[in-house]
Amino acid sequence: MEEREKEKEIKSMIEAMLFIWGDPLSAKNIADALNLPTEYIRKCVLELKRDLETEDRGIQIIEINNNFQMCTNSRHFEAIQALCTPAQNKGLTQAALEVLAIIAYKQPITRHEIEAIRGVKSDKAINTLIEKGLIIENGRLEKTGRPILYGTTDNFLKSFGLSSLKELPEVSEFDKLDFQEIMTPETEA
């Protein structure tokens, strides 16, 4: 089999693996399964990702913390939503959003530190965020009582369309935002 055909077959296998796996998958895991070098697989995945974008396909490959996942193109959200009967999925409360923002920017952070910033108890919001898979317990602080440290998950990155925490906007950028304009009746639904 000539080199070009071989690479096409490898990309086809990668596409099938990402499709069936569902969750983010590392280039190393794919490379191990195919018994090929990790850097070669990473190159193939990035080319496949670019090909899907160039062809304006209904599916895409996203990168989350150096892992890859196949998902639908976000431009088709309304069509997919019309097809699916969405499960009753309550959004996050204002308190949960506040706690999530604090954790995202200050991680790893303890419950006590979160409550010191907010000025109120945050147990319920923390439990909600854990249940939704947006934060996890990231170990314990080496001090009296060994309080739990919290951090965000890959699901958090995926939910907010981020590849890594480096893509979080700088806190100084929030001063420039017009939140009244952002929270129009169309976007609140």
C-alpha atoms as a PDB file:
ATOM      1  CA  MET A   1       0.000   0.000   0.000  1.00  0.00           C
ATOM      2  CA  GLU A   2       1.469   3.333  -0.960  1.00  0.00           C
ATOM      3  CA  GLU A   3       2.209   5.944   1.738  1.00  0.00           C
ATOM      4  CA  ARG A   4      -0.697   8.256   0.856  1.00  0.00           C
ATOM      5  CA  GLU A   5      -3.233   5.410   0.969  1.00  0.00           C
ATOM      6  CA  LYS A   6      -1.756   4.166   4.254  1.00  0.00           C
ATOM      7  CA  GLU A   7      -2.130   7.619   5.879  1.00  0.00           C
ATOM      8  CA  LYS A   8      -5.686   7.907   4.551  1.00  0.00           C
ATOM      9  CA  GLU A   9      -6.496   4.538   6.156  1.00  0.00           C
ATOM     10  CA  ILE A  10      -4.914   5.625   9.461  1.00  0.00           C
ATOM     11  CA  LYS A  11      -6.979   8.837   9.474  1.00  0.00           C
ATOM     12  CA  SER A  12     -10.081   6.770   8.778  1.00  0.00           C
ATOM     13  CA  MET A  13      -9.275   4.538  11.764  1.00  0.00           C
ATOM     14  CA  ILE A  14      -8.666   7.593  13.976  1.00  0.00           C
ATOM     15  CA  GLU A  15     -11.999   9.082  12.889  1.00  0.00           C
ATOM     16  CA  ALA A  16     -13.780   5.806  13.742  1.00  0.00           C
ATOM     17  CA  MET A  17     -12.017   5.587  17.112  1.00  0.00           C
ATOM     18  CA  LEU A  18     -12.920   9.162  18.076  1.00  0.00           C
ATOM     19  CA  PHE A  19     -16.510   8.610  16.947  1.00  0.00           C
ATOM     20  CA  ILE A  20     -17.037   5.418  18.920  1.00  0.00           C
ATOM     21  CA  TRP A  21     -15.102   6.498  22.027  1.00  0.00           C
ATOM     22  CA  GLY A  22     -17.260   9.568  22.699  1.00  0.00           C
ATOM     23  CA  ASP A  23     -15.082  10.992  25.468  1.00  0.00           C
ATOM     24  CA  PRO A  24     -11.811  12.884  24.948  1.00  0.00           C
ATOM     25  CA  LEU A  25      -9.029  10.554  23.799  1.00  0.00           C
ATOM     26  CA  SER A  26      -5.294  11.256  23.882  1.00  0.00           C
ATOM     27  CA  ALA A  27      -3.018  10.888  20.872  1.00  0.00           C
ATOM     28  CA  LYS A  28      -0.968   8.460  22.985  1.00  0.00           C
ATOM     29  CA  ASN A  29      -3.969   6.175  23.539  1.00  0.00           C
ATOM     30  CA  ILE A  30      -4.710   6.186  19.811  1.00  0.00           C
ATOM     31  CA  ALA A  31      -1.015   5.625  18.999  1.00  0.00           C
ATOM     32  CA  ASP A  32      -0.830   2.705  21.431  1.00  0.00           C
ATOM     33  CA  ALA A  33      -3.936   1.103  19.906  1.00  0.00           C
ATOM     34  CA  LEU A  34      -2.559   1.475  16.377  1.00  0.00           C
ATOM     35  CA  ASN A  35       1.052   0.711  17.365  1.00  0.00           C
ATOM     36  CA  LEU A  36       2.290   3.960  15.795  1.00  0.00           C
ATOM     37  CA  PRO A  37       4.338   6.930  17.110  1.00  0.00           C
ATOM     38  CA  THR A  38       2.340   9.440  19.169  1.00  0.00           C
ATOM     39  CA  GLU A  39       3.623  12.490  17.256  1.00  0.00           C
ATOM     40  CA  TYR A  40       2.602  10.921  13.950  1.00  0.00           C
ATOM     41  CA  ILE A  41      -0.895  10.254  15.318  1.00  0.00           C
ATOM     42  CA  ARG A  42      -1.135  13.812  16.681  1.00  0.00           C
ATOM     43  CA  LYS A  43      -0.203  15.134  13.223  1.00  0.00           C
ATOM     44  CA  CYS A  44      -2.865  12.925  11.606  1.00  0.00           C
ATOM     45  CA  VAL A  45      -5.542  14.021  14.117  1.00  0.00           C
ATOM     46  CA  LEU A  46      -4.741  17.700  13.553  1.00  0.00           C
ATOM     47  CA  GLU A  47      -4.894  17.191   9.774  1.00  0.00           C
ATOM     48  CA  LEU A  48      -8.227  15.369  10.132  1.00  0.00           C
ATOM     49  CA  LYS A  49      -9.475  18.215  12.351  1.00  0.00           C
ATOM     50  CA  ARG A  50      -8.431  20.760   9.720  1.00  0.00           C
ATOM     51  CA  ASP A  51     -10.010  18.709   6.909  1.00  0.00           C
ATOM     52  CA  LEU A  52     -13.361  18.602   8.726  1.00  0.00           C
ATOM     53  CA  GLU A  53     -13.214  22.376   9.284  1.00  0.00           C
ATOM     54  CA  THR A  54     -12.186  23.095   5.676  1.00  0.00           C
ATOM     55  CA  GLU A  55     -15.002  20.936   4.315  1.00  0.00           C
ATOM     56  CA  ASP A  56     -17.483  22.697   6.650  1.00  0.00           C
ATOM     57  CA  ARG A  57     -18.737  19.349   7.935  1.00  0.00           C
ATOM     58  CA  GLY A  58     -21.452  18.677  10.500  1.00  0.00           C
ATOM     59  CA  ILE A  59     -18.944  17.079  12.834  1.00  0.00           C
ATOM     60  CA  GLN A  60     -15.691  18.438  14.171  1.00  0.00           C
ATOM     61  CA  ILE A  61     -12.773  17.406  16.324  1.00  0.00           C
ATOM     62  CA  ILE A  62     -12.063  19.528  19.370  1.00  0.00           C
ATOM     63  CA  GLU A  63      -8.962  19.515  21.565  1.00  0.00           C
ATOM     64  CA  ILE A  64      -9.374  19.530  25.341  1.00  0.00           C
ATOM     65  CA  ASN A  65      -6.228  19.488  27.487  1.00  0.00           C
ATOM     66  CA  ASN A  66      -4.215  17.679  24.781  1.00  0.00           C
ATOM     67  CA  ASN A  67      -7.014  15.136  24.249  1.00  0.00           C
ATOM     68  CA  PHE A  68      -9.232  14.960  21.190  1.00  0.00           C
ATOM     69  CA  GLN A  69     -12.975  14.433  20.900  1.00  0.00           C
ATOM     70  CA  MET A  70     -15.397  14.248  18.018  1.00  0.00           C
ATOM     71  CA  CYS A  71     -18.542  16.324  18.405  1.00  0.00           C
ATOM     72  CA  THR A  72     -21.178  18.050  16.328  1.00  0.00           C
ATOM     73  CA  ASN A  73     -20.536  21.426  14.757  1.00  0.00           C
ATOM     74  CA  SER A  74     -22.009  24.043  17.103  1.00  0.00           C
ATOM     75  CA  ARG A  75     -23.551  25.869  14.136  1.00  0.00           C
ATOM     76  CA  HIS A  76     -26.076  23.029  13.899  1.00  0.00           C
ATOM     77  CA  PHE A  77     -27.261  23.255  17.505  1.00  0.00           C
ATOM     78  CA  GLU A  78     -30.789  24.397  16.657  1.00  0.00           C
ATOM     79  CA  ALA A  79     -31.341  21.614  14.108  1.00  0.00           C
ATOM     80  CA  ILE A  80     -30.073  18.991  16.560  1.00  0.00           C
ATOM     81  CA  GLN A  81     -32.147  20.473  19.363  1.00  0.00           C
ATOM     82  CA  ALA A  82     -35.273  20.315  17.176  1.00  0.00           C
ATOM     83  CA  LEU A  83     -34.591  16.631  16.509  1.00  0.00           C
ATOM     84  CA  CYS A  84     -33.956  15.680  20.110  1.00  0.00           C
ATOM     85  CA  THR A  85     -36.383  15.993  22.957  1.00  0.00           C
ATOM     86  CA  PRO A  86     -34.126  17.619  25.518  1.00  0.00           C
ATOM     87  CA  ALA A  87     -34.119  16.156  28.998  1.00  0.00           C
ATOM     88  CA  GLN A  88     -35.172  18.495  31.751  1.00  0.00           C
ATOM     89  CA  ASN A  89     -31.798  19.967  32.607  1.00  0.00           C
ATOM     90  CA  LYS A  90     -31.774  22.828  35.033  1.00  0.00           C
ATOM     91  CA  GLY A  91     -29.031  25.368  34.509  1.00  0.00           C
ATOM     92  CA  LEU A  92     -26.756  26.682  37.199  1.00  0.00           C
ATOM     93  CA  THR A  93     -27.937  29.076  39.871  1.00  0.00           C
ATOM     94  CA  GLN A  94     -26.242  32.430  40.324  1.00  0.00           C
ATOM     95  CA  ALA A  95     -24.513  31.034  43.430  1.00  0.00           C
ATOM     96  CA  ALA A  96     -23.208  28.002  41.512  1.00  0.00           C
ATOM     97  CA  LEU A  97     -21.932  30.243  38.708  1.00  0.00           C
ATOM     98  CA  GLU A  98     -20.127  32.451  41.241  1.00  0.00           C
ATOM     99  CA  VAL A  99     -18.503  29.434  42.895  1.00  0.00           C
ATOM    100  CA  LEU A 100     -17.554  27.970  39.513  1.00  0.00           C
ATOM    101  CA  ALA A 101     -15.926  31.240  38.441  1.00  0.00           C
ATOM    102  CA  ILE A 102     -13.980  31.458  41.703  1.00  0.00           C
ATOM    103  CA  ILE A 103     -12.753  27.883  41.353  1.00  0.00           C
ATOM    104  CA  ALA A 104     -11.858  28.343  37.672  1.00  0.00           C
ATOM    105  CA  TYR A 105      -9.680  31.371  38.407  1.00  0.00           C
ATOM    106  CA  LYS A 106      -8.253  30.446  41.825  1.00  0.00           C
ATOM    107  CA  GLN A 107      -7.826  26.653  41.635  1.00  0.00           C
ATOM    108  CA  PRO A 108      -6.836  24.713  43.560  1.00  0.00           C
ATOM    109  CA  ILE A 109      -8.951  26.319  46.272  1.00  0.00           C
ATOM    110  CA  THR A 110     -10.652  25.219  49.496  1.00  0.00           C
ATOM    111  CA  ARG A 111     -14.307  25.650  50.436  1.00  0.00           C
ATOM    112  CA  HIS A 112     -13.263  28.060  53.210  1.00  0.00           C
ATOM    113  CA  GLU A 113     -11.363  30.243  50.700  1.00  0.00           C
ATOM    114  CA  ILE A 114     -14.370  30.233  48.355  1.00  0.00           C
ATOM    115  CA  GLU A 115     -16.663  31.272  51.203  1.00  0.00           C
ATOM    116  CA  ALA A 116     -14.223  33.999  52.271  1.00  0.00           C
ATOM    117  CA  ILE A 117     -14.386  35.480  48.752  1.00  0.00           C
ATOM    118  CA  ARG A 118     -18.189  35.194  48.460  1.00  0.00           C
ATOM    119  CA  GLY A 119     -19.001  36.036  52.060  1.00  0.00           C
ATOM    120  CA  VAL A 120     -21.591  33.217  52.307  1.00  0.00           C
ATOM    121  CA  LYS A 121     -21.683  29.430  52.715  1.00  0.00           C
ATOM    122  CA  SER A 122     -21.128  27.574  49.466  1.00  0.00           C
ATOM    123  CA  ASP A 123     -21.687  23.883  50.298  1.00  0.00           C
ATOM    124  CA  LYS A 124     -24.806  23.486  48.161  1.00  0.00           C
ATOM    125  CA  ALA A 125     -23.259  25.192  45.125  1.00  0.00           C
ATOM    126  CA  ILE A 126     -20.095  23.074  45.433  1.00  0.00           C
ATOM    127  CA  ASN A 127     -22.151  19.860  45.636  1.00  0.00           C
ATOM    128  CA  THR A 128     -24.193  20.893  42.575  1.00  0.00           C
ATOM    129  CA  LEU A 129     -21.022  21.577  40.579  1.00  0.00           C
ATOM    130  CA  ILE A 130     -19.565  18.189  41.586  1.00  0.00           C
ATOM    131  CA  GLU A 131     -22.826  16.431  40.597  1.00  0.00           C
ATOM    132  CA  LYS A 132     -22.755  18.154  37.193  1.00  0.00           C
ATOM    133  CA  GLY A 133     -19.138  17.084  36.704  1.00  0.00           C
ATOM    134  CA  LEU A 134     -17.838  20.663  36.403  1.00  0.00           C
ATOM    135  CA  ILE A 135     -15.506  20.491  39.424  1.00  0.00           C
ATOM    136  CA  ILE A 136     -13.697  17.736  41.307  1.00  0.00           C
ATOM    137  CA  GLU A 137     -11.863  17.275  44.554  1.00  0.00           C
ATOM    138  CA  ASN A 138      -8.213  17.886  43.659  1.00  0.00           C
ATOM    139  CA  GLY A 139      -6.520  16.585  46.787  1.00  0.00           C
ATOM    140  CA  ARG A 140      -6.147  18.106  50.244  1.00  0.00           C
ATOM    141  CA  LEU A 141      -4.285  21.092  51.629  1.00  0.00           C
ATOM    142  CA  GLU A 142      -1.366  20.175  53.892  1.00  0.00           C
ATOM    143  CA  LYS A 143      -2.533  22.059  56.990  1.00  0.00           C
ATOM    144  CA  THR A 144      -4.702  21.452  60.046  1.00  0.00           C
ATOM    145  CA  GLY A 145      -7.911  19.676  59.111  1.00  0.00           C
ATOM    146  CA  ARG A 146      -6.546  18.874  55.639  1.00  0.00           C
ATOM    147  CA  PRO A 147      -9.305  20.773  53.783  1.00  0.00           C
ATOM    148  CA  ILE A 148     -10.356  19.557  50.337  1.00  0.00           C
ATOM    149  CA  LEU A 149      -8.976  21.420  47.323  1.00  0.00           C
ATOM    150  CA  TYR A 150     -11.317  21.938  44.365  1.00  0.00           C
ATOM    151  CA  GLY A 151     -10.528  22.365  40.682  1.00  0.00           C
ATOM    152  CA  THR A 152     -12.355  22.323  37.367  1.00  0.00           C
ATOM    153  CA  THR A 153     -12.733  19.287  35.093  1.00  0.00           C
ATOM    154  CA  ASP A 154     -12.364  18.635  31.384  1.00  0.00           C
ATOM    155  CA  ASN A 155     -16.182  18.676  31.331  1.00  0.00           C
ATOM    156  CA  PHE A 156     -15.989  22.310  32.503  1.00  0.00           C
ATOM    157  CA  LEU A 157     -13.673  23.138  29.588  1.00  0.00           C
ATOM    158  CA  LYS A 158     -15.937  21.319  27.146  1.00  0.00           C
ATOM    159  CA  SER A 159     -19.096  22.989  28.508  1.00  0.00           C
ATOM    160  CA  PHE A 160     -17.599  26.453  28.033  1.00  0.00           C
ATOM    161  CA  GLY A 161     -15.917  25.721  24.691  1.00  0.00           C
ATOM    162  CA  LEU A 162     -12.365  26.016  26.024  1.00  0.00           C
ATOM    163  CA  SER A 163      -9.317  23.946  25.095  1.00  0.00           C
ATOM    164  CA  SER A 164      -7.486  24.789  28.312  1.00  0.00           C
ATOM    165  CA  LEU A 165      -7.685  27.112  31.309  1.00  0.00           C
ATOM    166  CA  LYS A 166      -5.292  29.447  29.493  1.00  0.00           C
ATOM    167  CA  GLU A 167      -8.263  30.454  27.311  1.00  0.00           C
ATOM    168  CA  LEU A 168     -10.194  31.902  30.272  1.00  0.00           C
ATOM    169  CA  PRO A 169     -10.594  35.640  29.759  1.00  0.00           C
ATOM    170  CA  GLU A 170      -8.471  37.892  31.950  1.00  0.00           C
ATOM    171  CA  VAL A 171     -10.434  39.214  34.916  1.00  0.00           C
ATOM    172  CA  SER A 172      -9.667  42.770  33.760  1.00  0.00           C
ATOM    173  CA  GLU A 173     -11.690  42.061  30.582  1.00  0.00           C
ATOM    174  CA  PHE A 174     -14.893  41.788  32.632  1.00  0.00           C
ATOM    175  CA  ASP A 175     -14.827  45.513  33.360  1.00  0.00           C
ATOM    176  CA  LYS A 176     -15.147  46.160  29.622  1.00  0.00           C
ATOM    177  CA  LEU A 177     -18.245  43.975  29.190  1.00  0.00           C
ATOM    178  CA  ASP A 178     -21.738  45.420  29.051  1.00  0.00           C
ATOM    179  CA  PHE A 179     -23.657  42.737  30.974  1.00  0.00           C
ATOM    180  CA  GLN A 180     -27.002  44.388  30.233  1.00  0.00           C
ATOM    181  CA  GLU A 181     -26.333  43.915  26.519  1.00  0.00           C
ATOM    182  CA  ILE A 182     -25.255  40.294  27.039  1.00  0.00           C
ATOM    183  CA  MET A 183     -28.312  39.384  29.130  1.00  0.00           C
ATOM    184  CA  THR A 184     -30.995  40.264  26.599  1.00  0.00           C
ATOM    185  CA  PRO A 185     -34.280  38.310  26.759  1.00  0.00           C
ATOM    186  CA  GLU A 186     -33.174  36.146  23.811  1.00  0.00           C
ATOM    187  CA  THR A 187     -30.037  34.931  25.616  1.00  0.00           C
ATOM    188  CA  GLU A 188     -31.655  34.364  28.989  1.00  0.00           C
ATOM    189  CA  ALA A 189     -33.810  31.479  27.742  1.00  0.00           C
END
